[in-house]
């Protein structure tokens, strides 16, 4: 299992939900890329827990708006 940091790389506003550049969450995952595997469910849950933001409603659950960095 690896630890990943997911960071918003650009501002995005859609459906009344705003993402700000620099927002980040940490996700432990057994997948090689938690953003593209399993529908990004782990990343989605982490943003809801930390910020109360639903990335799917915002259409921001994408590598266009998010960077994935493997920490360990």
C-alpha atoms as a PDB file:
ATOM      1  CA  UNK A   1       0.000   0.000   0.000  1.00  0.00           C
ATOM      2  CA  UNK A   2       1.297   3.446  -0.946  1.00  0.00           C
ATOM      3  CA  UNK A   3       0.580   6.963   0.228  1.00  0.00           C
ATOM      4  CA  UNK A   4      -0.362   9.598  -2.364  1.00  0.00           C
ATOM      5  CA  UNK A   5      -0.869  13.352  -2.173  1.00  0.00           C
ATOM      6  CA  UNK A   6      -3.487  14.697  -4.566  1.00  0.00           C
ATOM      7  CA  UNK A   7      -3.210  18.451  -5.252  1.00  0.00           C
ATOM      8  CA  UNK A   8      -5.553  20.770  -7.168  1.00  0.00           C
ATOM      9  CA  UNK A   9      -3.396  22.362  -9.868  1.00  0.00           C
ATOM     10  CA  UNK A  10      -5.799  25.064 -11.116  1.00  0.00           C
ATOM     11  CA  UNK A  11      -8.944  26.844  -9.980  1.00  0.00           C
ATOM     12  CA  UNK A  12     -12.180  25.274 -11.151  1.00  0.00           C
ATOM     13  CA  UNK A  13     -15.790  26.333 -10.582  1.00  0.00           C
ATOM     14  CA  UNK A  14     -18.742  24.240 -11.733  1.00  0.00           C
ATOM     15  CA  UNK A  15     -22.234  23.429 -10.424  1.00  0.00           C
ATOM     16  CA  UNK A  16     -21.810  25.835  -7.506  1.00  0.00           C
ATOM     17  CA  UNK A  17     -18.689  24.046  -6.227  1.00  0.00           C
ATOM     18  CA  UNK A  18     -15.317  25.786  -6.198  1.00  0.00           C
ATOM     19  CA  UNK A  19     -11.870  24.165  -6.234  1.00  0.00           C
ATOM     20  CA  UNK A  20      -8.905  26.358  -5.308  1.00  0.00           C
ATOM     21  CA  UNK A  21      -5.379  25.797  -6.513  1.00  0.00           C
ATOM     22  CA  UNK A  22      -3.271  24.138  -3.813  1.00  0.00           C
ATOM     23  CA  UNK A  23      -6.050  22.221  -2.044  1.00  0.00           C
ATOM     24  CA  UNK A  24      -4.673  18.790  -1.213  1.00  0.00           C
ATOM     25  CA  UNK A  25      -5.549  15.477   0.382  1.00  0.00           C
ATOM     26  CA  UNK A  26      -3.542  12.383   1.247  1.00  0.00           C
ATOM     27  CA  UNK A  27      -4.797   8.957   0.249  1.00  0.00           C
ATOM     28  CA  UNK A  28      -3.477   5.507   1.126  1.00  0.00           C
ATOM     29  CA  UNK A  29      -4.126   3.169  -1.777  1.00  0.00           C
ATOM     30  CA  UNK A  30      -3.124  -0.252  -3.013  1.00  0.00           C
ATOM     31  CA  UNK A  31      -3.549   1.003  -6.604  1.00  0.00           C
ATOM     32  CA  UNK A  32      -0.774   2.602  -8.661  1.00  0.00           C
ATOM     33  CA  UNK A  33      -2.914   5.689  -9.351  1.00  0.00           C
ATOM     34  CA  UNK A  34      -5.929   6.264  -7.074  1.00  0.00           C
ATOM     35  CA  UNK A  35      -7.300   8.973  -9.373  1.00  0.00           C
ATOM     36  CA  UNK A  36      -7.776   6.744 -12.411  1.00  0.00           C
ATOM     37  CA  UNK A  37      -8.457   3.411 -10.699  1.00  0.00           C
ATOM     38  CA  UNK A  38     -11.829   2.389  -9.269  1.00  0.00           C
ATOM     39  CA  UNK A  39     -13.461   5.580 -10.542  1.00  0.00           C
ATOM     40  CA  UNK A  40     -11.339   7.749  -8.250  1.00  0.00           C
ATOM     41  CA  UNK A  41     -13.496   6.651  -5.316  1.00  0.00           C
ATOM     42  CA  UNK A  42     -10.677   7.025  -2.735  1.00  0.00           C
ATOM     43  CA  UNK A  43      -9.850  10.558  -3.899  1.00  0.00           C
ATOM     44  CA  UNK A  44     -13.530  11.492  -3.985  1.00  0.00           C
ATOM     45  CA  UNK A  45     -14.009  10.288  -0.402  1.00  0.00           C
ATOM     46  CA  UNK A  46     -10.906  12.150   0.827  1.00  0.00           C
ATOM     47  CA  UNK A  47     -12.116  15.485  -0.610  1.00  0.00           C
ATOM     48  CA  UNK A  48     -15.543  14.982   0.943  1.00  0.00           C
ATOM     49  CA  UNK A  49     -13.999  14.199   4.359  1.00  0.00           C
ATOM     50  CA  UNK A  50     -11.559  17.123   4.362  1.00  0.00           C
ATOM     51  CA  UNK A  51     -13.383  19.891   2.476  1.00  0.00           C
ATOM     52  CA  UNK A  52     -16.963  18.689   2.027  1.00  0.00           C
ATOM     53  CA  UNK A  53     -16.457  18.991  -1.735  1.00  0.00           C
ATOM     54  CA  UNK A  54     -18.005  16.515  -4.147  1.00  0.00           C
ATOM     55  CA  UNK A  55     -15.521  16.287  -7.027  1.00  0.00           C
ATOM     56  CA  UNK A  56     -17.920  14.325  -9.215  1.00  0.00           C
ATOM     57  CA  UNK A  57     -20.581  17.054  -9.026  1.00  0.00           C
ATOM     58  CA  UNK A  58     -17.847  19.621  -9.732  1.00  0.00           C
ATOM     59  CA  UNK A  59     -16.558  17.531 -12.676  1.00  0.00           C
ATOM     60  CA  UNK A  60     -13.108  17.985 -11.158  1.00  0.00           C
ATOM     61  CA  UNK A  61     -12.229  14.326 -10.650  1.00  0.00           C
ATOM     62  CA  UNK A  62      -9.738  14.416 -13.502  1.00  0.00           C
ATOM     63  CA  UNK A  63      -6.014  14.688 -14.154  1.00  0.00           C
ATOM     64  CA  UNK A  64      -6.800  18.005 -15.868  1.00  0.00           C
ATOM     65  CA  UNK A  65      -7.443  19.543 -12.425  1.00  0.00           C
ATOM     66  CA  UNK A  66      -5.592  17.184 -10.071  1.00  0.00           C
ATOM     67  CA  UNK A  67      -1.944  16.125  -9.724  1.00  0.00           C
ATOM     68  CA  UNK A  68      -1.081  12.819  -8.074  1.00  0.00           C
ATOM     69  CA  UNK A  69       2.251  12.558  -6.228  1.00  0.00           C
ATOM     70  CA  UNK A  70       3.431   9.306  -4.672  1.00  0.00           C
ATOM     71  CA  UNK A  71       4.808  10.020  -1.203  1.00  0.00           C
ATOM     72  CA  UNK A  72       5.855   6.510  -0.166  1.00  0.00           C
END
